[in-house]
Amino acid sequence: MLVALVGLVLILLSGRCVYAQIEADRQAEIARTRRAQRQAQARINRMAASAIHQMIDTARRSRIDPPSPR
């Protein structure tokens, strides 16, 4: 009887450890996905800011040195 009880406890503990590992892996994957999304959004923001600055610089140069009339 004692052996069966010890066996049951070991099975329950190992099941809990497996569940904990699965949950830890899931949380790690969620964290990796969120990090990748933040990095992608940061790249998009940098590209948009660069494009805006280029348009502003082009507009300023056009005002300083307007194109010659045709």
N, C-alpha and C. Protein backbone atom coordinates (compact mmCIF):
# COMPACT_ATOMS: atom_id res chain seq x y z
N MET A 1 0.83 -1.21 0.00
CA MET A 1 0.00 0.00 0.00
C MET A 1 0.87 1.26 0.00
N LEU A 2 1.92 1.24 0.82
CA LEU A 2 2.81 2.39 0.90
C LEU A 2 3.54 2.61 -0.41
N VAL A 3 3.93 1.54 -1.06
CA VAL A 3 4.62 1.64 -2.35
C VAL A 3 3.70 2.27 -3.39
N ALA A 4 2.45 1.87 -3.40
CA ALA A 4 1.49 2.43 -4.34
C ALA A 4 1.27 3.92 -4.08
N LEU A 5 1.21 4.30 -2.83
CA LEU A 5 1.02 5.70 -2.47
C LEU A 5 2.23 6.53 -2.89
N VAL A 6 3.43 6.01 -2.62
CA VAL A 6 4.66 6.70 -3.03
C VAL A 6 4.70 6.81 -4.55
N GLY A 7 4.33 5.74 -5.23
CA GLY A 7 4.29 5.77 -6.69
C GLY A 7 3.33 6.81 -7.23
N LEU A 8 2.16 6.91 -6.62
CA LEU A 8 1.16 7.90 -7.03
C LEU A 8 1.68 9.31 -6.81
N VAL A 9 2.32 9.54 -5.67
CA VAL A 9 2.87 10.86 -5.38
C VAL A 9 3.95 11.23 -6.40
N LEU A 10 4.80 10.26 -6.74
CA LEU A 10 5.85 10.52 -7.73
C LEU A 10 5.26 10.83 -9.10
N ILE A 11 4.23 10.10 -9.48
CA ILE A 11 3.56 10.36 -10.76
C ILE A 11 2.96 11.76 -10.78
N LEU A 12 2.30 12.13 -9.68
CA LEU A 12 1.70 13.47 -9.61
C LEU A 12 2.77 14.57 -9.65
N LEU A 13 3.87 14.35 -8.94
CA LEU A 13 4.94 15.35 -8.95
C LEU A 13 5.59 15.47 -10.33
N SER A 14 5.81 14.33 -10.98
CA SER A 14 6.42 14.40 -12.31
C SER A 14 5.47 15.07 -13.30
N GLY A 15 4.18 14.80 -13.18
CA GLY A 15 3.20 15.46 -14.04
C GLY A 15 3.20 16.97 -13.83
N ARG A 16 3.32 17.36 -12.57
CA ARG A 16 3.34 18.79 -12.26
C ARG A 16 4.60 19.44 -12.83
N CYS A 17 5.74 18.74 -12.75
CA CYS A 17 6.99 19.27 -13.30
C CYS A 17 6.90 19.41 -14.82
N VAL A 18 6.30 18.43 -15.47
CA VAL A 18 6.13 18.50 -16.93
C VAL A 18 5.24 19.68 -17.29
N TYR A 19 4.14 19.85 -16.55
CA TYR A 19 3.24 20.98 -16.82
C TYR A 19 3.99 22.30 -16.61
N ALA A 20 4.78 22.39 -15.54
CA ALA A 20 5.53 23.62 -15.26
C ALA A 20 6.51 23.92 -16.39
N GLN A 21 7.16 22.88 -16.93
CA GLN A 21 8.10 23.09 -18.03
C GLN A 21 7.37 23.54 -19.30
N ILE A 22 6.23 22.95 -19.57
CA ILE A 22 5.43 23.35 -20.75
C ILE A 22 5.01 24.81 -20.61
N GLU A 23 4.56 25.18 -19.41
CA GLU A 23 4.13 26.56 -19.18
C GLU A 23 5.32 27.53 -19.29
N ALA A 24 6.47 27.13 -18.78
CA ALA A 24 7.66 27.99 -18.88
C ALA A 24 8.06 28.16 -20.35
N ASP A 25 8.00 27.09 -21.13
CA ASP A 25 8.31 27.19 -22.56
C ASP A 25 7.32 28.10 -23.28
N ARG A 26 6.06 27.99 -22.91
CA ARG A 26 5.02 28.83 -23.53
C ARG A 26 5.26 30.30 -23.21
N GLN A 27 5.58 30.59 -21.95
CA GLN A 27 5.83 31.97 -21.55
C GLN A 27 7.08 32.52 -22.25
N ALA A 28 8.09 31.69 -22.40
CA ALA A 28 9.31 32.12 -23.09
C ALA A 28 9.01 32.43 -24.56
N GLU A 29 8.19 31.62 -25.19
CA GLU A 29 7.82 31.86 -26.59
C GLU A 29 7.02 33.15 -26.73
N ILE A 30 6.12 33.38 -25.79
CA ILE A 30 5.34 34.64 -25.80
C ILE A 30 6.29 35.83 -25.66
N ALA A 31 7.25 35.72 -24.76
CA ALA A 31 8.21 36.82 -24.56
C ALA A 31 9.04 37.05 -25.82
N ARG A 32 9.48 35.98 -26.48
CA ARG A 32 10.26 36.13 -27.73
C ARG A 32 9.42 36.80 -28.81
N THR A 33 8.17 36.41 -28.92
CA THR A 33 7.28 36.99 -29.93
C THR A 33 7.06 38.48 -29.67
N ARG A 34 6.83 38.82 -28.42
CA ARG A 34 6.61 40.24 -28.08
C ARG A 34 7.86 41.06 -28.34
N ARG A 35 9.02 40.49 -28.03
CA ARG A 35 10.28 41.21 -28.28
C ARG A 35 10.47 41.44 -29.77
N ALA A 36 10.20 40.42 -30.56
CA ALA A 36 10.32 40.56 -32.02
C ALA A 36 9.35 41.61 -32.55
N GLN A 37 8.14 41.64 -32.00
CA GLN A 37 7.16 42.65 -32.43
C GLN A 37 7.62 44.06 -32.07
N ARG A 38 8.18 44.21 -30.86
CA ARG A 38 8.69 45.53 -30.46
C ARG A 38 9.85 45.97 -31.36
N GLN A 39 10.74 45.03 -31.69
CA GLN A 39 11.87 45.37 -32.56
C GLN A 39 11.38 45.76 -33.95
N ALA A 40 10.40 45.03 -34.47
CA ALA A 40 9.86 45.35 -35.79
C ALA A 40 9.20 46.73 -35.77
N GLN A 41 8.45 47.02 -34.72
CA GLN A 41 7.80 48.33 -34.62
C GLN A 41 8.83 49.44 -34.50
N ALA A 42 9.90 49.20 -33.78
CA ALA A 42 10.96 50.20 -33.66
C ALA A 42 11.62 50.46 -35.02
N ARG A 43 11.84 49.40 -35.81
CA ARG A 43 12.41 49.58 -37.15
C ARG A 43 11.46 50.41 -38.03
N ILE A 44 10.19 50.10 -37.97
CA ILE A 44 9.20 50.86 -38.75
C ILE A 44 9.22 52.32 -38.33
N ASN A 45 9.26 52.57 -37.03
CA ASN A 45 9.27 53.95 -36.53
C ASN A 45 10.53 54.69 -37.00
N ARG A 46 11.68 54.00 -36.98
CA ARG A 46 12.92 54.65 -37.44
C ARG A 46 12.84 54.97 -38.93
N MET A 47 12.30 54.04 -39.72
CA MET A 47 12.19 54.29 -41.16
C MET A 47 11.23 55.45 -41.44
N ALA A 48 10.12 55.49 -40.71
CA ALA A 48 9.15 56.57 -40.90
C ALA A 48 9.77 57.91 -40.51
N ALA A 49 10.50 57.94 -39.40
CA ALA A 49 11.13 59.19 -38.97
C ALA A 49 12.17 59.63 -39.99
N SER A 50 12.92 58.69 -40.53
CA SER A 50 13.92 59.02 -41.54
C SER A 50 13.25 59.60 -42.79
N ALA A 51 12.17 59.00 -43.22
CA ALA A 51 11.46 59.49 -44.40
C ALA A 51 10.91 60.89 -44.16
N ILE A 52 10.38 61.12 -42.98
CA ILE A 52 9.84 62.45 -42.65
C ILE A 52 10.96 63.49 -42.67
N HIS A 53 12.11 63.15 -42.08
CA HIS A 53 13.24 64.08 -42.07
C HIS A 53 13.74 64.35 -43.48
N GLN A 54 13.77 63.34 -44.32
CA GLN A 54 14.19 63.55 -45.70
C GLN A 54 13.23 64.48 -46.43
N MET A 55 11.93 64.31 -46.21
CA MET A 55 10.94 65.20 -46.85
C MET A 55 11.10 66.63 -46.35
N ILE A 56 11.34 66.78 -45.04
CA ILE A 56 11.54 68.12 -44.49
C ILE A 56 12.78 68.76 -45.08
N ASP A 57 13.88 68.00 -45.15
CA ASP A 57 15.12 68.54 -45.74
C ASP A 57 14.93 68.92 -47.19
N THR A 58 14.21 68.09 -47.94
CA THR A 58 13.95 68.38 -49.35
C THR A 58 13.12 69.66 -49.48
N ALA A 59 12.11 69.80 -48.63
CA ALA A 59 11.27 71.01 -48.67
C ALA A 59 12.10 72.25 -48.34
N ARG A 60 12.98 72.15 -47.36
CA ARG A 60 13.82 73.31 -46.99
C ARG A 60 14.76 73.66 -48.14
N ARG A 61 15.37 72.66 -48.75
CA ARG A 61 16.28 72.94 -49.86
C ARG A 61 15.51 73.57 -51.03
N SER A 62 14.30 73.13 -51.25
CA SER A 62 13.51 73.69 -52.35
C SER A 62 13.18 75.16 -52.10
N ARG A 63 12.97 75.52 -50.84
CA ARG A 63 12.69 76.91 -50.53
C ARG A 63 13.95 77.77 -50.65
N ILE A 64 15.09 77.22 -50.26
CA ILE A 64 16.34 77.97 -50.32
C ILE A 64 16.80 78.11 -51.76
N ASP A 65 16.72 77.05 -52.52
CA ASP A 65 17.17 77.04 -53.91
C ASP A 65 16.02 76.52 -54.78
N PRO A 66 15.02 77.36 -55.05
CA PRO A 66 13.86 76.86 -55.82
C PRO A 66 14.28 76.44 -57.23
N PRO A 67 13.60 75.47 -57.80
CA PRO A 67 13.94 75.03 -59.16
C PRO A 67 13.70 76.18 -60.14
N SER A 68 14.52 76.19 -61.17
CA SER A 68 14.39 77.27 -62.16
C SER A 68 13.10 77.04 -62.97
N PRO A 69 12.43 78.16 -63.33
CA PRO A 69 11.21 78.02 -64.15
C PRO A 69 11.57 77.51 -65.55
N ARG A 70 10.66 76.80 -66.16
CA ARG A 70 10.90 76.21 -67.49
C ARG A 70 10.47 77.11 -68.59
